[in-house]
Structures are given as C-alpha cells and as structure tokens.
C-alpha atoms as a PDB file:
ATOM      1  CA  MET A   1       0.000   0.000   0.000  1.00  0.00           C
ATOM      2  CA  PRO A   2       1.473   3.404  -0.943  1.00  0.00           C
ATOM      3  CA  ASP A   3       2.470   5.701   1.924  1.00  0.00           C
ATOM      4  CA  PHE A   4      -0.278   8.199   1.043  1.00  0.00           C
ATOM      5  CA  LYS A   5      -2.982   5.552   1.443  1.00  0.00           C
ATOM      6  CA  LYS A   6      -1.551   4.351   4.765  1.00  0.00           C
ATOM      7  CA  ARG A   7      -1.466   7.915   6.039  1.00  0.00           C
ATOM      8  CA  TYR A   8      -4.984   8.607   4.763  1.00  0.00           C
ATOM      9  CA  ILE A   9      -6.364   5.582   6.607  1.00  0.00           C
ATOM     10  CA  LYS A  10      -4.787   6.785   9.862  1.00  0.00           C
ATOM     11  CA  GLU A  11      -6.098  10.327   9.261  1.00  0.00           C
ATOM     12  CA  TRP A  12      -9.587   8.976   8.538  1.00  0.00           C
ATOM     13  CA  GLU A  13      -9.602   6.962  11.770  1.00  0.00           C
ATOM     14  CA  LEU A  14      -8.368   9.935  13.808  1.00  0.00           C
ATOM     15  CA  MET A  15     -10.938  12.322  12.357  1.00  0.00           C
ATOM     16  CA  ARG A  16     -13.756   9.780  12.729  1.00  0.00           C
ATOM     17  CA  ASN A  17     -12.884   9.230  16.386  1.00  0.00           C
ATOM     18  CA  THR A  18     -12.088  12.838  17.297  1.00  0.00           C
ATOM     19  CA  PHE A  19     -14.423  14.894  15.089  1.00  0.00           C
ATOM     20  CA  PRO A  20     -17.173  12.530  13.889  1.00  0.00           C
ATOM     21  CA  GLU A  21     -19.279  15.487  12.715  1.00  0.00           C
ATOM     22  CA  PHE A  22     -16.696  16.166   9.998  1.00  0.00           C
ATOM     23  CA  LYS A  23     -17.122  14.129   6.842  1.00  0.00           C
ATOM     24  CA  ALA A  24     -14.362  12.958   4.538  1.00  0.00           C
ATOM     25  CA  TYR A  25     -14.586  13.780   0.848  1.00  0.00           C
ATOM     26  CA  ALA A  26     -12.523  13.110  -2.252  1.00  0.00           C
ATOM     27  CA  ARG A  27     -12.536  15.212  -5.399  1.00  0.00           C
ATOM     28  CA  PRO A  28      -9.370  13.874  -7.047  1.00  0.00           C
ATOM     29  CA  PRO A  29      -6.699  15.011  -6.811  1.00  0.00           C
ATOM     30  CA  MET A  30      -8.045  16.926  -3.791  1.00  0.00           C
ATOM     31  CA  PHE A  31      -9.358  15.343  -0.597  1.00  0.00           C
ATOM     32  CA  GLY A  32     -10.150  16.407   2.930  1.00  0.00           C
ATOM     33  CA  TRP A  33     -12.833  16.866   5.558  1.00  0.00           C
ATOM     34  CA  GLU A  34     -15.668  19.324   5.950  1.00  0.00           C
ATOM     35  CA  GLY A  35     -18.193  20.140   8.596  1.00  0.00           C
ATOM     36  CA  HIS A  36     -19.592  22.814  10.861  1.00  0.00           C
ATOM     37  CA  ILE A  37     -18.208  24.348  14.036  1.00  0.00           C
ATOM     38  CA  GLU A  38     -20.373  26.314  16.434  1.00  0.00           C
ATOM     39  CA  SER A  39     -18.654  29.162  18.245  1.00  0.00           C
ATOM     40  CA  PRO A  40     -18.852  28.928  22.035  1.00  0.00           C
ATOM     41  CA  TRP A  41     -18.504  32.729  22.177  1.00  0.00           C
ATOM     42  CA  THR A  42     -21.147  33.840  19.677  1.00  0.00           C
ATOM     43  CA  GLY A  43     -23.172  30.717  18.906  1.00  0.00           C
ATOM     44  CA  ARG A  44     -22.532  31.305  15.195  1.00  0.00           C
ATOM     45  CA  ARG A  45     -22.022  28.280  12.957  1.00  0.00           C
ATOM     46  CA  TYR A  46     -19.045  28.179  10.614  1.00  0.00           C
ATOM     47  CA  PHE A  47     -18.553  25.848   7.687  1.00  0.00           C
ATOM     48  CA  VAL A  48     -14.987  24.516   7.693  1.00  0.00           C
ATOM     49  CA  ARG A  49     -13.248  22.675   4.874  1.00  0.00           C
ATOM     50  CA  LEU A  50      -9.781  21.190   5.343  1.00  0.00           C
ATOM     51  CA  GLU A  51      -8.324  20.303   1.962  1.00  0.00           C
ATOM     52  CA  SER A  52      -5.114  18.906   0.556  1.00  0.00           C
ATOM     53  CA  SER A  53      -3.755  17.347  -2.588  1.00  0.00           C
ATOM     54  CA  GLU A  54      -2.780  13.701  -2.877  1.00  0.00           C
ATOM     55  CA  SER A  55       0.496  14.792  -4.486  1.00  0.00           C
ATOM     56  CA  THR A  56       1.564  17.135  -1.663  1.00  0.00           C
ATOM     57  CA  TYR A  57       0.106  15.607   1.508  1.00  0.00           C
ATOM     58  CA  PRO A  58       1.496  15.189   4.146  1.00  0.00           C
ATOM     59  CA  ARG A  59       4.567  17.125   3.025  1.00  0.00           C
ATOM     60  CA  GLU A  60       2.542  20.365   2.834  1.00  0.00           C
ATOM     61  CA  LYS A  61      -0.045  21.703   5.280  1.00  0.00           C
ATOM     62  CA  PRO A  62      -3.692  21.336   4.171  1.00  0.00           C
ATOM     63  CA  HIS A  63      -5.619  24.471   3.216  1.00  0.00           C
ATOM     64  CA  VAL A  64      -8.277  25.735   5.616  1.00  0.00           C
ATOM     65  CA  HIS A  65     -11.423  27.418   4.265  1.00  0.00           C
ATOM     66  CA  ILE A  66     -13.978  28.888   6.680  1.00  0.00           C
ATOM     67  CA  THR A  67     -17.340  30.452   5.836  1.00  0.00           C
ATOM     68  CA  PRO A  68     -18.081  33.075   6.954  1.00  0.00           C
ATOM     69  CA  ARG A  69     -14.574  34.416   7.398  1.00  0.00           C
ATOM     70  CA  PHE A  70     -13.357  36.082  10.581  1.00  0.00           C
ATOM     71  CA  GLY A  71     -10.038  37.598  11.607  1.00  0.00           C
ATOM     72  CA  PRO A  72      -7.436  39.128   9.283  1.00  0.00           C
ATOM     73  CA  ASN A  73      -5.238  36.186   8.213  1.00  0.00           C
ATOM     74  CA  TRP A  74      -6.524  35.216   4.772  1.00  0.00           C
ATOM     75  CA  LEU A  75      -4.422  34.235   1.775  1.00  0.00           C
ATOM     76  CA  SER A  76      -5.139  35.297  -1.808  1.00  0.00           C
ATOM     77  CA  ASN A  77      -6.411  31.766  -2.588  1.00  0.00           C
ATOM     78  CA  GLY A  78      -9.134  32.178   0.061  1.00  0.00           C
ATOM     79  CA  ALA A  79      -7.475  29.912   2.637  1.00  0.00           C
ATOM     80  CA  LEU A  80      -6.805  30.854   6.232  1.00  0.00           C
ATOM     81  CA  CYS A  81      -3.134  31.513   6.990  1.00  0.00           C
ATOM     82  CA  ILE A  82      -2.311  29.675  10.199  1.00  0.00           C
ATOM     83  CA  ASP A  83       1.048  30.683  11.645  1.00  0.00           C
ATOM     84  CA  GLU A  84       2.155  27.271  12.769  1.00  0.00           C
ATOM     85  CA  VAL A  85       5.013  25.157  11.502  1.00  0.00           C
ATOM     86  CA  TRP A  86       3.656  22.067   9.758  1.00  0.00           C
ATOM     87  CA  ARG A  87       5.553  18.944  10.821  1.00  0.00           C
ATOM     88  CA  PRO A  88       4.326  16.024   8.700  1.00  0.00           C
ATOM     89  CA  ALA A  89       5.435  13.412  11.211  1.00  0.00           C
ATOM     90  CA  PHE A  90       3.435  15.029  14.030  1.00  0.00           C
ATOM     91  CA  ASN A  91       0.631  17.124  12.550  1.00  0.00           C
ATOM     92  CA  SER A  92      -2.638  15.885  11.094  1.00  0.00           C
ATOM     93  CA  PHE A  93      -5.984  17.161   9.838  1.00  0.00           C
ATOM     94  CA  ALA A  94      -7.283  16.761  13.408  1.00  0.00           C
ATOM     95  CA  SER A  95      -4.441  18.827  14.895  1.00  0.00           C
ATOM     96  CA  LEU A  96      -5.097  21.496  12.275  1.00  0.00           C
ATOM     97  CA  LEU A  97      -8.752  21.601  13.291  1.00  0.00           C
ATOM     98  CA  LEU A  98      -7.680  22.081  16.920  1.00  0.00           C
ATOM     99  CA  ARG A  99      -5.568  25.023  15.739  1.00  0.00           C
ATOM    100  CA  ILE A 100      -8.681  26.530  14.136  1.00  0.00           C
ATOM    101  CA  PHE A 101     -10.405  26.447  17.531  1.00  0.00           C
ATOM    102  CA  LYS A 102      -7.488  28.452  18.968  1.00  0.00           C
ATOM    103  CA  TYR A 103      -7.827  30.959  16.122  1.00  0.00           C
ATOM    104  CA  MET A 104     -11.560  31.266  16.839  1.00  0.00           C
ATOM    105  CA  GLU A 105     -10.799  31.900  20.498  1.00  0.00           C
ATOM    106  CA  LYS A 106      -8.244  34.581  19.646  1.00  0.00           C
ATOM    107  CA  TRP A 107     -10.780  36.493  17.531  1.00  0.00           C
ATOM    108  CA  ARG A 108     -13.814  35.577  19.672  1.00  0.00           C
ATOM    109  CA  ALA A 109     -15.450  34.477  16.461  1.00  0.00           C
END
C-alpha cells in the first residue's frame, strides 16, 4: 500500500474518532474533511473545509477554508493563513482543526 494511502487511513480513523461530525470527501486530486463548528462565544455556525492534494500531503499543510470568514489572516487563494510550523510526522488534519479552535478563540469568532 502506498504511503499516502496508509497515512490517509490513519487520518480517517483519527478524524472519525475525534471529530465525527466532519465528513471525509474526495474530489481527485483533492481530498479532505468538511463540517460545521459552532462558536462557544457567539453561537454562530461556521462551515470549515480542510483540503489537501494527494500529491503534496502530508509534506505540505492542508488548506483551511472557513465560511463566513473572521479575523485578518486570509491568503489570496481564500485559505486561512495559520502561523504554525507544519511537521508532517506530528501534525494531522485533526491537529489542524484544533488550531482553528485556537484561532476562533483569539478572535472571539
């Protein structure tokens, strides 16, 4: 089994167990998870999509898209810029989603 598929299976299990409300999707060559987060500060619901490419994952950090947007850190491609070093051996889609919660807290979104 190619390394990407092994990693994907582990990511799928982690997301299923940690964030079961997020659903996996595949739109080759892109794949990821999407779901809603409700803010504990405002009660507002945000749609979150975590997306990566089969050819670059896990080497490169997945893109994060949130609707509606909040805070100032948005890239020209519409993704949220998260100022955290991506370490492929340690980080995952689930850890990235935890980072989004921290970003929400910072901006009281």
